[in-house]
Amino acid sequence: MRHYCLLLARLGVNVAGGVVHYPLIRRTTTVEWNAQARREAEETEQRALEVIAADQPAPRLPRSHCRGCSYRDYCWGDQ
């Protein structure tokens, strides 16, 4: 949600935050948008760009850390 807020803010839209709906568990989470949230979104965006630009992929986490991750097959599908 914060990255959506960042994109909107860059387009000149005045953003106060957002709401994430989780229909399967019938919950919602309110996400605030302020200077701290913007800094964190910009930092994570920069880290993601560094990972994308890297020559080599980051080492895999231990398999025990991947429990329940929906991307597990991408990292461990060859094992």
PDB file of N, CA and C in Angstrom:
ATOM      1  N   MET A   1       0.818  -1.175   0.000  1.00  0.00           N
ATOM      2  CA  MET A   1       0.000   0.000   0.000  1.00  0.00           C
ATOM      3  C   MET A   1       0.872   1.252   0.000  1.00  0.00           C
ATOM      4  N   ARG A   2       1.956   1.196   0.772  1.00  0.00           N
ATOM      5  CA  ARG A   2       2.828   2.374   0.820  1.00  0.00           C
ATOM      6  C   ARG A   2       3.436   2.689  -0.537  1.00  0.00           C
ATOM      7  N   HIS A   3       3.715   1.665  -1.324  1.00  0.00           N
ATOM      8  CA  HIS A   3       4.290   1.928  -2.638  1.00  0.00           C
ATOM      9  C   HIS A   3       3.246   2.509  -3.591  1.00  0.00           C
ATOM     10  N   TYR A   4       2.002   2.118  -3.446  1.00  0.00           N
ATOM     11  CA  TYR A   4       0.934   2.768  -4.208  1.00  0.00           C
ATOM     12  C   TYR A   4       0.823   4.233  -3.797  1.00  0.00           C
ATOM     13  N   CYS A   5       0.893   4.492  -2.515  1.00  0.00           N
ATOM     14  CA  CYS A   5       0.850   5.871  -2.026  1.00  0.00           C
ATOM     15  C   CYS A   5       2.019   6.674  -2.587  1.00  0.00           C
ATOM     16  N   LEU A   6       3.200   6.074  -2.624  1.00  0.00           N
ATOM     17  CA  LEU A   6       4.378   6.744  -3.163  1.00  0.00           C
ATOM     18  C   LEU A   6       4.177   7.093  -4.635  1.00  0.00           C
ATOM     19  N   LEU A   7       3.659   6.145  -5.406  1.00  0.00           N
ATOM     20  CA  LEU A   7       3.417   6.409  -6.823  1.00  0.00           C
ATOM     21  C   LEU A   7       2.409   7.539  -7.010  1.00  0.00           C
ATOM     22  N   LEU A   8       1.349   7.518  -6.236  1.00  0.00           N
ATOM     23  CA  LEU A   8       0.346   8.586  -6.337  1.00  0.00           C
ATOM     24  C   LEU A   8       0.926   9.934  -5.934  1.00  0.00           C
ATOM     25  N   ALA A   9       1.716   9.947  -4.864  1.00  0.00           N
ATOM     26  CA  ALA A   9       2.328  11.201  -4.417  1.00  0.00           C
ATOM     27  C   ALA A   9       3.250  11.759  -5.494  1.00  0.00           C
ATOM     28  N   ARG A  10       3.974  10.894  -6.172  1.00  0.00           N
ATOM     29  CA  ARG A  10       4.862  11.346  -7.251  1.00  0.00           C
ATOM     30  C   ARG A  10       4.083  11.917  -8.434  1.00  0.00           C
ATOM     31  N   LEU A  11       2.844  11.470  -8.572  1.00  0.00           N
ATOM     32  CA  LEU A  11       1.992  11.999  -9.642  1.00  0.00           C
ATOM     33  C   LEU A  11       1.264  13.278  -9.222  1.00  0.00           C
ATOM     34  N   GLY A  12       1.505  13.702  -7.975  1.00  0.00           N
ATOM     35  CA  GLY A  12       0.895  14.937  -7.495  1.00  0.00           C
ATOM     36  C   GLY A  12      -0.435  14.765  -6.788  1.00  0.00           C
ATOM     37  N   VAL A  13      -0.809  13.532  -6.523  1.00  0.00           N
ATOM     38  CA  VAL A  13      -2.065  13.262  -5.824  1.00  0.00           C
ATOM     39  C   VAL A  13      -1.823  13.386  -4.323  1.00  0.00           C
ATOM     40  N   ASN A  14      -2.685  14.115  -3.634  1.00  0.00           N
ATOM     41  CA  ASN A  14      -2.578  14.265  -2.183  1.00  0.00           C
ATOM     42  C   ASN A  14      -3.084  12.981  -1.526  1.00  0.00           C
ATOM     43  N   VAL A  15      -2.195  12.262  -0.882  1.00  0.00           N
ATOM     44  CA  VAL A  15      -2.510  10.950  -0.316  1.00  0.00           C
ATOM     45  C   VAL A  15      -2.459  11.018   1.202  1.00  0.00           C
ATOM     46  N   ALA A  16      -3.458  10.431   1.856  1.00  0.00           N
ATOM     47  CA  ALA A  16      -3.477  10.375   3.317  1.00  0.00           C
ATOM     48  C   ALA A  16      -3.202   8.973   3.831  1.00  0.00           C
ATOM     49  N   GLY A  17      -3.337   7.985   2.972  1.00  0.00           N
ATOM     50  CA  GLY A  17      -3.142   6.598   3.377  1.00  0.00           C
ATOM     51  C   GLY A  17      -4.042   5.710   2.565  1.00  0.00           C
ATOM     52  N   GLY A  18      -4.278   4.508   3.068  1.00  0.00           N
ATOM     53  CA  GLY A  18      -5.128   3.575   2.352  1.00  0.00           C
ATOM     54  C   GLY A  18      -5.599   2.463   3.258  1.00  0.00           C
ATOM     55  N   VAL A  19      -6.437   1.620   2.703  1.00  0.00           N
ATOM     56  CA  VAL A  19      -6.986   0.490   3.443  1.00  0.00           C
ATOM     57  C   VAL A  19      -6.756  -0.772   2.625  1.00  0.00           C
ATOM     58  N   VAL A  20      -6.226  -1.795   3.264  1.00  0.00           N
ATOM     59  CA  VAL A  20      -6.015  -3.095   2.621  1.00  0.00           C
ATOM     60  C   VAL A  20      -7.092  -4.034   3.153  1.00  0.00           C
ATOM     61  N   HIS A  21      -7.838  -4.643   2.229  1.00  0.00           N
ATOM     62  CA  HIS A  21      -8.905  -5.580   2.600  1.00  0.00           C
ATOM     63  C   HIS A  21      -8.419  -7.012   2.389  1.00  0.00           C
ATOM     64  N   TYR A  22      -8.625  -7.845   3.388  1.00  0.00           N
ATOM     65  CA  TYR A  22      -8.291  -9.266   3.309  1.00  0.00           C
ATOM     66  C   TYR A  22      -9.612 -10.043   3.378  1.00  0.00           C
ATOM     67  N   PRO A  23     -10.242 -10.295   2.226  1.00  0.00           N
ATOM     68  CA  PRO A  23     -11.573 -10.895   2.245  1.00  0.00           C
ATOM     69  C   PRO A  23     -11.635 -12.298   2.850  1.00  0.00           C
ATOM     70  N   LEU A  24     -10.603 -13.102   2.653  1.00  0.00           N
ATOM     71  CA  LEU A  24     -10.657 -14.476   3.166  1.00  0.00           C
ATOM     72  C   LEU A  24     -10.694 -14.533   4.686  1.00  0.00           C
ATOM     73  N   ILE A  25     -10.020 -13.602   5.332  1.00  0.00           N
ATOM     74  CA  ILE A  25     -10.036 -13.594   6.798  1.00  0.00           C
ATOM     75  C   ILE A  25     -10.920 -12.482   7.359  1.00  0.00           C
ATOM     76  N   ARG A  26     -11.614 -11.790   6.449  1.00  0.00           N
ATOM     77  CA  ARG A  26     -12.571 -10.739   6.822  1.00  0.00           C
ATOM     78  C   ARG A  26     -11.953  -9.685   7.726  1.00  0.00           C
ATOM     79  N   ARG A  27     -10.805  -9.186   7.307  1.00  0.00           N
ATOM     80  CA  ARG A  27     -10.099  -8.142   8.064  1.00  0.00           C
ATOM     81  C   ARG A  27      -9.707  -7.018   7.130  1.00  0.00           C
ATOM     82  N   THR A  28      -9.479  -5.870   7.710  1.00  0.00           N
ATOM     83  CA  THR A  28      -8.931  -4.742   6.976  1.00  0.00           C
ATOM     84  C   THR A  28      -7.802  -4.138   7.807  1.00  0.00           C
ATOM     85  N   THR A  29      -6.872  -3.521   7.128  1.00  0.00           N
ATOM     86  CA  THR A  29      -5.762  -2.846   7.787  1.00  0.00           C
ATOM     87  C   THR A  29      -5.649  -1.447   7.195  1.00  0.00           C
ATOM     88  N   THR A  30      -5.600  -0.468   8.072  1.00  0.00           N
ATOM     89  CA  THR A  30      -5.415   0.910   7.627  1.00  0.00           C
ATOM     90  C   THR A  30      -3.932   1.222   7.597  1.00  0.00           C
ATOM     91  N   VAL A  31      -3.476   1.810   6.498  1.00  0.00           N
ATOM     92  CA  VAL A  31      -2.073   2.150   6.312  1.00  0.00           C
ATOM     93  C   VAL A  31      -1.966   3.672   6.256  1.00  0.00           C
ATOM     94  N   GLU A  32      -1.215   4.229   7.178  1.00  0.00           N
ATOM     95  CA  GLU A  32      -1.034   5.678   7.204  1.00  0.00           C
ATOM     96  C   GLU A  32       0.036   6.090   6.210  1.00  0.00           C
ATOM     97  N   TRP A  33      -0.085   7.296   5.692  1.00  0.00           N
ATOM     98  CA  TRP A  33       0.911   7.851   4.789  1.00  0.00           C
ATOM     99  C   TRP A  33       1.376   9.173   5.365  1.00  0.00           C
ATOM    100  N   ASN A  34       2.637   9.190   5.770  1.00  0.00           N
ATOM    101  CA  ASN A  34       3.236  10.395   6.336  1.00  0.00           C
ATOM    102  C   ASN A  34       4.705  10.427   5.903  1.00  0.00           C
ATOM    103  N   ALA A  35       5.453  11.366   6.439  1.00  0.00           N
ATOM    104  CA  ALA A  35       6.855  11.513   6.029  1.00  0.00           C
ATOM    105  C   ALA A  35       7.663  10.245   6.320  1.00  0.00           C
ATOM    106  N   GLN A  36       7.439   9.631   7.466  1.00  0.00           N
ATOM    107  CA  GLN A  36       8.162   8.403   7.821  1.00  0.00           C
ATOM    108  C   GLN A  36       7.802   7.264   6.867  1.00  0.00           C
ATOM    109  N   ALA A  37       6.520   7.113   6.561  1.00  0.00           N
ATOM    110  CA  ALA A  37       6.084   6.067   5.637  1.00  0.00           C
ATOM    111  C   ALA A  37       6.695   6.294   4.256  1.00  0.00           C
ATOM    112  N   ARG A  38       6.769   7.551   3.830  1.00  0.00           N
ATOM    113  CA  ARG A  38       7.369   7.855   2.527  1.00  0.00           C
ATOM    114  C   ARG A  38       8.848   7.480   2.515  1.00  0.00           C
ATOM    115  N   ARG A  39       9.566   7.827   3.579  1.00  0.00           N
ATOM    116  CA  ARG A  39      10.988   7.467   3.659  1.00  0.00           C
ATOM    117  C   ARG A  39      11.172   5.956   3.569  1.00  0.00           C
ATOM    118  N   GLU A  40      10.362   5.216   4.310  1.00  0.00           N
ATOM    119  CA  GLU A  40      10.474   3.757   4.295  1.00  0.00           C
ATOM    120  C   GLU A  40      10.157   3.189   2.914  1.00  0.00           C
ATOM    121  N   ALA A  41       9.158   3.736   2.246  1.00  0.00           N
ATOM    122  CA  ALA A  41       8.807   3.273   0.901  1.00  0.00           C
ATOM    123  C   ALA A  41       9.939   3.572  -0.077  1.00  0.00           C
ATOM    124  N   GLU A  42      10.542   4.742   0.031  1.00  0.00           N
ATOM    125  CA  GLU A  42      11.658   5.091  -0.847  1.00  0.00           C
ATOM    126  C   GLU A  42      12.872   4.206  -0.579  1.00  0.00           C
ATOM    127  N   GLU A  43      13.124   3.879   0.691  1.00  0.00           N
ATOM    128  CA  GLU A  43      14.247   3.006   1.032  1.00  0.00           C
ATOM    129  C   GLU A  43      14.041   1.590   0.509  1.00  0.00           C
ATOM    130  N   THR A  44      12.840   1.046   0.673  1.00  0.00           N
ATOM    131  CA  THR A  44      12.596  -0.309   0.185  1.00  0.00           C
ATOM    132  C   THR A  44      12.589  -0.350  -1.338  1.00  0.00           C
ATOM    133  N   GLU A  45      12.126   0.730  -1.956  1.00  0.00           N
ATOM    134  CA  GLU A  45      12.183   0.816  -3.415  1.00  0.00           C
ATOM    135  C   GLU A  45      13.639   0.790  -3.880  1.00  0.00           C
ATOM    136  N   GLN A  46      14.495   1.537  -3.211  1.00  0.00           N
ATOM    137  CA  GLN A  46      15.909   1.575  -3.574  1.00  0.00           C
ATOM    138  C   GLN A  46      16.559   0.210  -3.391  1.00  0.00           C
ATOM    139  N   ARG A  47      16.239  -0.472  -2.286  1.00  0.00           N
ATOM    140  CA  ARG A  47      16.796  -1.814  -2.067  1.00  0.00           C
ATOM    141  C   ARG A  47      16.335  -2.786  -3.156  1.00  0.00           C
ATOM    142  N   ALA A  48      15.061  -2.682  -3.549  1.00  0.00           N
ATOM    143  CA  ALA A  48      14.549  -3.555  -4.606  1.00  0.00           C
ATOM    144  C   ALA A  48      15.264  -3.292  -5.922  1.00  0.00           C
ATOM    145  N   LEU A  49      15.500  -2.030  -6.246  1.00  0.00           N
ATOM    146  CA  LEU A  49      16.214  -1.689  -7.479  1.00  0.00           C
ATOM    147  C   LEU A  49      17.646  -2.219  -7.450  1.00  0.00           C
ATOM    148  N   GLU A  50      18.279  -2.204  -6.287  1.00  0.00           N
ATOM    149  CA  GLU A  50      19.633  -2.747  -6.157  1.00  0.00           C
ATOM    150  C   GLU A  50      19.644  -4.261  -6.379  1.00  0.00           C
ATOM    151  N   VAL A  51      18.644  -4.952  -5.862  1.00  0.00           N
ATOM    152  CA  VAL A  51      18.543  -6.401  -6.060  1.00  0.00           C
ATOM    153  C   VAL A  51      18.324  -6.709  -7.534  1.00  0.00           C
ATOM    154  N   ILE A  52      17.452  -5.946  -8.181  1.00  0.00           N
ATOM    155  CA  ILE A  52      17.166  -6.168  -9.598  1.00  0.00           C
ATOM    156  C   ILE A  52      18.422  -5.952 -10.443  1.00  0.00           C
ATOM    157  N   ALA A  53      19.214  -4.953 -10.087  1.00  0.00           N
ATOM    158  CA  ALA A  53      20.402  -4.610 -10.874  1.00  0.00           C
ATOM    159  C   ALA A  53      21.615  -5.486 -10.565  1.00  0.00           C
ATOM    160  N   ALA A  54      21.557  -6.272  -9.516  1.00  0.00           N
ATOM    161  CA  ALA A  54      22.704  -7.087  -9.111  1.00  0.00           C
ATOM    162  C   ALA A  54      23.041  -8.134 -10.173  1.00  0.00           C
ATOM    163  N   ASP A  55      24.326  -8.432 -10.291  1.00  0.00           N
ATOM    164  CA  ASP A  55      24.783  -9.441 -11.243  1.00  0.00           C
ATOM    165  C   ASP A  55      24.419 -10.860 -10.811  1.00  0.00           C
ATOM    166  N   GLN A  56      24.404 -11.085  -9.523  1.00  0.00           N
ATOM    167  CA  GLN A  56      24.110 -12.400  -8.970  1.00  0.00           C
ATOM    168  C   GLN A  56      22.910 -12.307  -8.034  1.00  0.00           C
ATOM    169  N   PRO A  57      22.091 -13.343  -7.975  1.00  0.00           N
ATOM    170  CA  PRO A  57      20.985 -13.328  -7.022  1.00  0.00           C
ATOM    171  C   PRO A  57      21.504 -13.426  -5.591  1.00  0.00           C
ATOM    172  N   ALA A  58      20.732 -12.938  -4.664  1.00  0.00           N
ATOM    173  CA  ALA A  58      21.085 -13.050  -3.249  1.00  0.00           C
ATOM    174  C   ALA A  58      21.060 -14.524  -2.856  1.00  0.00           C
ATOM    175  N   PRO A  59      21.872 -14.924  -1.876  1.00  0.00           N
ATOM    176  CA  PRO A  59      21.830 -16.325  -1.444  1.00  0.00           C
ATOM    177  C   PRO A  59      20.461 -16.671  -0.869  1.00  0.00           C
ATOM    178  N   ARG A  60      20.087 -17.926  -1.053  1.00  0.00           N
ATOM    179  CA  ARG A  60      18.792 -18.369  -0.517  1.00  0.00           C
ATOM    180  C   ARG A  60      18.819 -18.380   0.996  1.00  0.00           C
ATOM    181  N   LEU A  61      17.676 -18.071   1.572  1.00  0.00           N
ATOM    182  CA  LEU A  61      17.518 -18.205   3.024  1.00  0.00           C
ATOM    183  C   LEU A  61      17.476 -19.685   3.357  1.00  0.00           C
ATOM    184  N   PRO A  62      17.754 -20.040   4.607  1.00  0.00           N
ATOM    185  CA  PRO A  62      17.572 -21.448   4.984  1.00  0.00           C
ATOM    186  C   PRO A  62      16.116 -21.861   4.724  1.00  0.00           C
ATOM    187  N   ARG A  63      15.935 -23.057   4.267  1.00  0.00           N
ATOM    188  CA  ARG A  63      14.590 -23.536   3.898  1.00  0.00           C
ATOM    189  C   ARG A  63      13.587 -23.396   5.039  1.00  0.00           C
ATOM    190  N   SER A  64      14.051 -23.479   6.270  1.00  0.00           N
ATOM    191  CA  SER A  64      13.148 -23.358   7.421  1.00  0.00           C
ATOM    192  C   SER A  64      12.504 -21.975   7.502  1.00  0.00           C
ATOM    193  N   HIS A  65      13.127 -20.960   6.916  1.00  0.00           N
ATOM    194  CA  HIS A  65      12.552 -19.614   6.917  1.00  0.00           C
ATOM    195  C   HIS A  65      11.455 -19.452   5.881  1.00  0.00           C
ATOM    196  N   CYS A  66      11.325 -20.410   4.986  1.00  0.00           N
ATOM    197  CA  CYS A  66      10.405 -20.287   3.861  1.00  0.00           C
ATOM    198  C   CYS A  66       9.027 -20.886   4.136  1.00  0.00           C
ATOM    199  N   ARG A  67       8.816 -21.388   5.291  1.00  0.00           N
ATOM    200  CA  ARG A  67       7.554 -22.038   5.628  1.00  0.00           C
ATOM    201  C   ARG A  67       6.384 -21.091   5.388  1.00  0.00           C
ATOM    202  N   GLY A  68       5.450 -21.497   4.556  1.00  0.00           N
ATOM    203  CA  GLY A  68       4.260 -20.709   4.290  1.00  0.00           C
ATOM    204  C   GLY A  68       4.440 -19.626   3.234  1.00  0.00           C
ATOM    205  N   CYS A  69       5.625 -19.485   2.689  1.00  0.00           N
ATOM    206  CA  CYS A  69       5.869 -18.450   1.681  1.00  0.00           C
ATOM    207  C   CYS A  69       5.305 -18.896   0.339  1.00  0.00           C
ATOM    208  N   SER A  70       4.549 -18.035  -0.315  1.00  0.00           N
ATOM    209  CA  SER A  70       3.953 -18.399  -1.595  1.00  0.00           C
ATOM    210  C   SER A  70       4.978 -18.410  -2.730  1.00  0.00           C
ATOM    211  N   TYR A  71       6.182 -17.889  -2.492  1.00  0.00           N
ATOM    212  CA  TYR A  71       7.235 -17.892  -3.504  1.00  0.00           C
ATOM    213  C   TYR A  71       8.247 -19.013  -3.293  1.00  0.00           C
ATOM    214  N   ARG A  72       7.982 -19.898  -2.386  1.00  0.00           N
ATOM    215  CA  ARG A  72       8.919 -20.958  -2.032  1.00  0.00           C
ATOM    216  C   ARG A  72       9.373 -21.780  -3.232  1.00  0.00           C
ATOM    217  N   ASP A  73       8.456 -22.093  -4.130  1.00  0.00           N
ATOM    218  CA  ASP A  73       8.809 -22.904  -5.298  1.00  0.00           C
ATOM    219  C   ASP A  73       9.776 -22.193  -6.229  1.00  0.00           C
ATOM    220  N   TYR A  74       9.751 -20.872  -6.255  1.00  0.00           N
ATOM    221  CA  TYR A  74      10.683 -20.141  -7.107  1.00  0.00           C
ATOM    222  C   TYR A  74      12.123 -20.310  -6.602  1.00  0.00           C
ATOM    223  N   CYS A  75      12.296 -20.342  -5.310  1.00  0.00           N
ATOM    224  CA  CYS A  75      13.637 -20.480  -4.740  1.00  0.00           C
ATOM    225  C   CYS A  75      14.064 -21.933  -4.626  1.00  0.00           C
ATOM    226  N   TRP A  76      13.151 -22.815  -4.282  1.00  0.00           N
ATOM    227  CA  TRP A  76      13.511 -24.176  -3.953  1.00  0.00           C
ATOM    228  C   TRP A  76      12.942 -25.213  -4.926  1.00  0.00           C
ATOM    229  N   GLY A  77      12.388 -24.769  -6.044  1.00  0.00           N
ATOM    230  CA  GLY A  77      11.769 -25.693  -6.994  1.00  0.00           C
ATOM    231  C   GLY A  77      12.729 -26.680  -7.624  1.00  0.00           C
ATOM    232  N   ASP A  78      14.018 -26.316  -7.640  1.00  0.00           N
ATOM    233  CA  ASP A  78      15.010 -27.199  -8.255  1.00  0.00           C
ATOM    234  C   ASP A  78      15.540 -28.242  -7.284  1.00  0.00           C
ATOM    235  N   GLN A  79      15.097 -28.258  -6.071  1.00  0.00           N
ATOM    236  CA  GLN A  79      15.610 -29.165  -5.046  1.00  0.00           C
ATOM    237  C   GLN A  79      14.671 -30.319  -4.832  1.00  0.00           C
TER     238      GLN A  79
END
